Amino acid sequence: MTTSSHSRVLLFGKLKQYAIGDELRVVTHPEMTPKEFRAAVAEELHRRCPEFPGVAELMSSAVATDRVLSEREQLGSSPEYSLLPPVCGG
């Protein structure tokens, strides 16, 4: 049986503006992949802002705990995850 929990989500870059107000939390489970995690965050952000414009940036963001997770990894059981959007250098 998979144990689910509510994990805190830290948003950075342009995504940060959508966490205004109460803390952003989503239901996670240890076997969840980064892709599934981003989908859960997108669902919560759409709930807060039905016309949420940052889906492309969100879905291309890296998921991190104390390190960036690969797309093939499972989340594990961290109480907190970060979404790091792509950054353009120049």
Foldseek 3Di string as FASTA:
>chain_A
DWDKDKAFEAEDDPCNVLCPDDTDIFIFTQQAFPQNVLVRSVVVSCVVPVPDPCSVQSNQWFKADPHTDDRPHGNGDDRYIYTHGDDDDD
